[in-house]
Amino acid sequence: MNSQEAIKVSIDTSNFVSMGYLSDLSDQDFLHRPCVGCNHINWQLGHLIAAENDMINKIAPGSMPALPEGFAAKYTKETSGIDDPKSLATKEELLKLADEQRAATLAALAKVSDADLDKPTGVDYAPTVGAMFSLQGCHWLMHAGQWAVIRRQLGRSPMF
């Protein structure tokens, strides 16, 4: 296994867990806040999609499909308090965008060399290209941990 394959396994495992947690939730469930001040899944997914698009375009310019007009603006820190489903994407739209972005991320990863993975990004939270790719799985899993709590609050059994 080479470095790209190891990073891909990590991203794929994160995707398996994340999509498992989301699979049986409804659009309404996506708006459940586990407590005051916490973000609902809909906002978190939009944030993850916009962040992945931005981060991978930083290290592989032009490799990511464009997000729909105004999408990223719907999922900023300033919009995290919005609960109106008409102002947000649907579960179906979010999952479709997530799949498109993830496919592009993996395609970009497949094109880099081991030497490319060591290149600096100039970004403190992911200082190398390899760290930026690795962050895609970690970022999703961090949020998936929050979704486990929401699932339990909604009466779902543990999945993993």
C-alpha atoms as a PDB file:
ATOM      1  CA  MET A   1       0.000   0.000   0.000  1.00  0.00           C
ATOM      2  CA  ASN A   2       1.348   3.415  -0.888  1.00  0.00           C
ATOM      3  CA  SER A   3       0.675   6.751   0.829  1.00  0.00           C
ATOM      4  CA  GLN A   4      -2.220   7.704  -1.444  1.00  0.00           C
ATOM      5  CA  GLU A   5      -3.890   4.340  -0.862  1.00  0.00           C
ATOM      6  CA  ALA A   6      -3.496   4.709   2.916  1.00  0.00           C
ATOM      7  CA  ILE A   7      -5.064   8.175   2.842  1.00  0.00           C
ATOM      8  CA  LYS A   8      -7.875   6.845   0.641  1.00  0.00           C
ATOM      9  CA  VAL A   9      -8.601   4.019   3.120  1.00  0.00           C
ATOM     10  CA  SER A  10      -8.913   6.607   5.876  1.00  0.00           C
ATOM     11  CA  ILE A  11     -11.242   8.783   3.795  1.00  0.00           C
ATOM     12  CA  ASP A  12     -13.313   5.761   2.715  1.00  0.00           C
ATOM     13  CA  THR A  13     -13.665   4.543   6.312  1.00  0.00           C
ATOM     14  CA  SER A  14     -14.823   7.982   7.393  1.00  0.00           C
ATOM     15  CA  ASN A  15     -17.309   8.027   4.536  1.00  0.00           C
ATOM     16  CA  PHE A  16     -18.661   4.594   5.526  1.00  0.00           C
ATOM     17  CA  VAL A  17     -19.275   5.717   9.126  1.00  0.00           C
ATOM     18  CA  SER A  18     -20.659   9.139   8.166  1.00  0.00           C
ATOM     19  CA  MET A  19     -23.072   7.860   5.537  1.00  0.00           C
ATOM     20  CA  GLY A  20     -24.178   5.072   7.873  1.00  0.00           C
ATOM     21  CA  TYR A  21     -25.176   7.618  10.501  1.00  0.00           C
ATOM     22  CA  LEU A  22     -27.106   9.657   7.929  1.00  0.00           C
ATOM     23  CA  SER A  23     -28.763   6.813   6.031  1.00  0.00           C
ATOM     24  CA  ASP A  24     -32.033   6.541   7.974  1.00  0.00           C
ATOM     25  CA  LEU A  25     -32.447  10.170   9.005  1.00  0.00           C
ATOM     26  CA  SER A  26     -35.085  12.412   7.431  1.00  0.00           C
ATOM     27  CA  ASP A  27     -34.862  16.023   6.341  1.00  0.00           C
ATOM     28  CA  GLN A  28     -36.605  16.905   9.612  1.00  0.00           C
ATOM     29  CA  ASP A  29     -34.073  14.855  11.598  1.00  0.00           C
ATOM     30  CA  PHE A  30     -31.312  16.808   9.847  1.00  0.00           C
ATOM     31  CA  LEU A  31     -32.619  19.957  11.612  1.00  0.00           C
ATOM     32  CA  HIS A  32     -32.461  18.516  15.157  1.00  0.00           C
ATOM     33  CA  ARG A  33     -30.099  20.425  17.445  1.00  0.00           C
ATOM     34  CA  PRO A  34     -28.680  18.308  20.280  1.00  0.00           C
ATOM     35  CA  CYS A  35     -28.628  21.355  22.576  1.00  0.00           C
ATOM     36  CA  VAL A  36     -28.798  25.129  22.435  1.00  0.00           C
ATOM     37  CA  GLY A  37     -25.892  26.514  20.466  1.00  0.00           C
ATOM     38  CA  CYS A  38     -25.079  23.255  18.674  1.00  0.00           C
ATOM     39  CA  ASN A  39     -25.347  22.924  14.911  1.00  0.00           C
ATOM     40  CA  HIS A  40     -27.827  20.622  13.232  1.00  0.00           C
ATOM     41  CA  ILE A  41     -26.734  17.996  10.721  1.00  0.00           C
ATOM     42  CA  ASN A  42     -28.012  19.948   7.725  1.00  0.00           C
ATOM     43  CA  TRP A  43     -25.706  22.867   8.515  1.00  0.00           C
ATOM     44  CA  GLN A  44     -22.806  20.556   9.361  1.00  0.00           C
ATOM     45  CA  LEU A  45     -23.126  18.713   6.044  1.00  0.00           C
ATOM     46  CA  GLY A  46     -23.250  21.946   4.080  1.00  0.00           C
ATOM     47  CA  HIS A  47     -20.191  23.139   5.990  1.00  0.00           C
ATOM     48  CA  LEU A  48     -18.320  19.883   5.291  1.00  0.00           C
ATOM     49  CA  ILE A  49     -19.148  20.008   1.578  1.00  0.00           C
ATOM     50  CA  ALA A  50     -18.114  23.663   1.190  1.00  0.00           C
ATOM     51  CA  ALA A  51     -14.965  23.095   3.271  1.00  0.00           C
ATOM     52  CA  GLU A  52     -13.876  20.056   1.246  1.00  0.00           C
ATOM     53  CA  ASN A  53     -14.416  21.962  -1.988  1.00  0.00           C
ATOM     54  CA  ASP A  54     -12.344  24.880  -0.713  1.00  0.00           C
ATOM     55  CA  MET A  55      -9.542  22.823   0.856  1.00  0.00           C
ATOM     56  CA  ILE A  56      -8.966  20.534  -2.111  1.00  0.00           C
ATOM     57  CA  ASN A  57      -9.116  23.434  -4.565  1.00  0.00           C
ATOM     58  CA  LYS A  58      -6.335  25.056  -2.498  1.00  0.00           C
ATOM     59  CA  ILE A  59      -3.996  22.117  -3.152  1.00  0.00           C
ATOM     60  CA  ALA A  60      -5.335  20.976  -6.540  1.00  0.00           C
ATOM     61  CA  PRO A  61      -6.786  24.106  -8.185  1.00  0.00           C
ATOM     62  CA  GLY A  62      -9.723  23.443 -10.481  1.00  0.00           C
ATOM     63  CA  SER A  63     -10.063  19.807  -9.455  1.00  0.00           C
ATOM     64  CA  MET A  64     -13.363  20.189  -7.605  1.00  0.00           C
ATOM     65  CA  PRO A  65     -16.782  20.554  -9.234  1.00  0.00           C
ATOM     66  CA  ALA A  66     -18.354  23.931  -8.677  1.00  0.00           C
ATOM     67  CA  LEU A  67     -20.921  24.132  -5.911  1.00  0.00           C
ATOM     68  CA  PRO A  68     -24.373  25.486  -6.785  1.00  0.00           C
ATOM     69  CA  GLU A  69     -24.610  29.268  -6.840  1.00  0.00           C
ATOM     70  CA  GLY A  70     -24.917  30.589  -3.281  1.00  0.00           C
ATOM     71  CA  PHE A  71     -24.391  27.196  -1.640  1.00  0.00           C
ATOM     72  CA  ALA A  72     -21.295  28.072   0.397  1.00  0.00           C
ATOM     73  CA  ALA A  73     -22.956  31.288   1.601  1.00  0.00           C
ATOM     74  CA  LYS A  74     -25.789  29.213   3.117  1.00  0.00           C
ATOM     75  CA  TYR A  75     -23.301  27.313   5.281  1.00  0.00           C
ATOM     76  CA  THR A  76     -21.099  29.850   7.053  1.00  0.00           C
ATOM     77  CA  LYS A  77     -20.597  30.491  10.766  1.00  0.00           C
ATOM     78  CA  GLU A  78     -23.035  33.375  10.398  1.00  0.00           C
ATOM     79  CA  THR A  79     -25.782  31.111   9.047  1.00  0.00           C
ATOM     80  CA  SER A  80     -25.349  28.270  11.543  1.00  0.00           C
ATOM     81  CA  GLY A  81     -28.403  29.405  13.520  1.00  0.00           C
ATOM     82  CA  ILE A  82     -30.821  29.070  10.594  1.00  0.00           C
ATOM     83  CA  ASP A  83     -33.501  26.407  11.086  1.00  0.00           C
ATOM     84  CA  ASP A  84     -35.786  27.220   8.153  1.00  0.00           C
ATOM     85  CA  PRO A  85     -35.602  24.266   5.738  1.00  0.00           C
ATOM     86  CA  LYS A  86     -36.521  26.594   2.844  1.00  0.00           C
ATOM     87  CA  SER A  87     -33.216  28.411   3.400  1.00  0.00           C
ATOM     88  CA  LEU A  88     -31.161  25.212   3.311  1.00  0.00           C
ATOM     89  CA  ALA A  89     -30.501  22.337   0.949  1.00  0.00           C
ATOM     90  CA  THR A  90     -32.430  19.083   1.328  1.00  0.00           C
ATOM     91  CA  LYS A  91     -30.875  15.824   2.508  1.00  0.00           C
ATOM     92  CA  GLU A  92     -30.994  14.520  -1.054  1.00  0.00           C
ATOM     93  CA  GLU A  93     -29.231  17.610  -2.409  1.00  0.00           C
ATOM     94  CA  LEU A  94     -26.600  17.496   0.325  1.00  0.00           C
ATOM     95  CA  LEU A  95     -25.810  13.823  -0.171  1.00  0.00           C
ATOM     96  CA  LYS A  96     -25.558  14.265  -3.951  1.00  0.00           C
ATOM     97  CA  LEU A  97     -23.144  17.182  -3.526  1.00  0.00           C
ATOM     98  CA  ALA A  98     -21.150  15.252  -0.923  1.00  0.00           C
ATOM     99  CA  ASP A  99     -20.773  12.320  -3.326  1.00  0.00           C
ATOM    100  CA  GLU A 100     -19.673  14.608  -6.170  1.00  0.00           C
ATOM    101  CA  GLN A 101     -17.138  16.431  -4.023  1.00  0.00           C
ATOM    102  CA  ARG A 102     -15.773  13.206  -2.531  1.00  0.00           C
ATOM    103  CA  ALA A 103     -15.329  11.629  -5.976  1.00  0.00           C
ATOM    104  CA  ALA A 104     -13.357  14.686  -7.072  1.00  0.00           C
ATOM    105  CA  THR A 105     -11.256  14.605  -3.897  1.00  0.00           C
ATOM    106  CA  LEU A 106     -10.346  10.967  -4.492  1.00  0.00           C
ATOM    107  CA  ALA A 107      -9.591  11.652  -8.161  1.00  0.00           C
ATOM    108  CA  ALA A 108      -7.262  14.507  -7.150  1.00  0.00           C
ATOM    109  CA  LEU A 109      -5.597  12.279  -4.532  1.00  0.00           C
ATOM    110  CA  ALA A 110      -4.971   9.586  -7.145  1.00  0.00           C
ATOM    111  CA  LYS A 111      -3.020  12.092  -9.255  1.00  0.00           C
ATOM    112  CA  VAL A 112      -0.506  13.190  -6.609  1.00  0.00           C
ATOM    113  CA  SER A 113       2.875  11.612  -6.022  1.00  0.00           C
ATOM    114  CA  ASP A 114       4.530  10.860  -2.703  1.00  0.00           C
ATOM    115  CA  ALA A 115       6.692  13.941  -3.260  1.00  0.00           C
ATOM    116  CA  ASP A 116       3.544  16.029  -3.843  1.00  0.00           C
ATOM    117  CA  LEU A 117       2.143  14.917  -0.476  1.00  0.00           C
ATOM    118  CA  ASP A 118       5.095  16.600   1.263  1.00  0.00           C
ATOM    119  CA  LYS A 119       4.565  19.972  -0.430  1.00  0.00           C
ATOM    120  CA  PRO A 120       3.618  22.794   1.943  1.00  0.00           C
ATOM    121  CA  THR A 121       0.147  24.302   1.755  1.00  0.00           C
ATOM    122  CA  GLY A 122       0.724  27.463   3.771  1.00  0.00           C
ATOM    123  CA  VAL A 123      -2.294  26.469   5.880  1.00  0.00           C
ATOM    124  CA  ASP A 124      -1.607  26.011   9.603  1.00  0.00           C
ATOM    125  CA  TYR A 125      -4.258  23.315  10.213  1.00  0.00           C
ATOM    126  CA  ALA A 126      -2.987  21.177   7.302  1.00  0.00           C
ATOM    127  CA  PRO A 127       0.615  22.164   6.567  1.00  0.00           C
ATOM    128  CA  THR A 128       1.221  19.665   3.738  1.00  0.00           C
ATOM    129  CA  VAL A 129      -0.768  18.390   0.774  1.00  0.00           C
ATOM    130  CA  GLY A 130      -0.893  14.972   2.453  1.00  0.00           C
ATOM    131  CA  ALA A 131      -2.263  16.514   5.646  1.00  0.00           C
ATOM    132  CA  MET A 132      -4.934  18.364   3.654  1.00  0.00           C
ATOM    133  CA  PHE A 133      -6.100  15.161   1.990  1.00  0.00           C
ATOM    134  CA  SER A 134      -6.018  13.294   5.319  1.00  0.00           C
ATOM    135  CA  LEU A 135      -8.071  16.045   6.919  1.00  0.00           C
ATOM    136  CA  GLN A 136     -11.030  15.198   4.670  1.00  0.00           C
ATOM    137  CA  GLY A 137     -11.682  11.941   6.503  1.00  0.00           C
ATOM    138  CA  CYS A 138     -10.875  13.338   9.966  1.00  0.00           C
ATOM    139  CA  HIS A 139     -13.119  16.372   9.527  1.00  0.00           C
ATOM    140  CA  TRP A 140     -16.095  14.229   8.569  1.00  0.00           C
ATOM    141  CA  LEU A 141     -15.506  11.805  11.455  1.00  0.00           C
ATOM    142  CA  MET A 142     -15.324  14.667  13.939  1.00  0.00           C
ATOM    143  CA  HIS A 143     -18.790  15.768  12.865  1.00  0.00           C
ATOM    144  CA  ALA A 144     -20.050  12.171  12.699  1.00  0.00           C
ATOM    145  CA  GLY A 145     -19.320  11.901  16.399  1.00  0.00           C
ATOM    146  CA  GLN A 146     -21.843  14.674  16.932  1.00  0.00           C
ATOM    147  CA  TRP A 147     -24.343  12.844  14.726  1.00  0.00           C
ATOM    148  CA  ALA A 148     -24.096   9.788  16.987  1.00  0.00           C
ATOM    149  CA  VAL A 149     -25.476  11.922  19.841  1.00  0.00           C
ATOM    150  CA  ILE A 150     -28.271  13.294  17.647  1.00  0.00           C
ATOM    151  CA  ARG A 151     -29.170   9.766  16.549  1.00  0.00           C
ATOM    152  CA  ARG A 152     -29.501   8.626  20.165  1.00  0.00           C
ATOM    153  CA  GLN A 153     -31.644  11.668  21.000  1.00  0.00           C
ATOM    154  CA  LEU A 154     -33.894  10.738  18.088  1.00  0.00           C
ATOM    155  CA  GLY A 155     -34.282   7.196  19.450  1.00  0.00           C
ATOM    156  CA  ARG A 156     -31.963   5.418  17.015  1.00  0.00           C
ATOM    157  CA  SER A 157     -29.849   2.491  18.160  1.00  0.00           C
ATOM    158  CA  PRO A 158     -26.056   2.683  18.032  1.00  0.00           C
ATOM    159  CA  MET A 159     -24.678   1.691  14.638  1.00  0.00           C
ATOM    160  CA  PHE A 160     -21.003   1.105  15.334  1.00  0.00           C
END
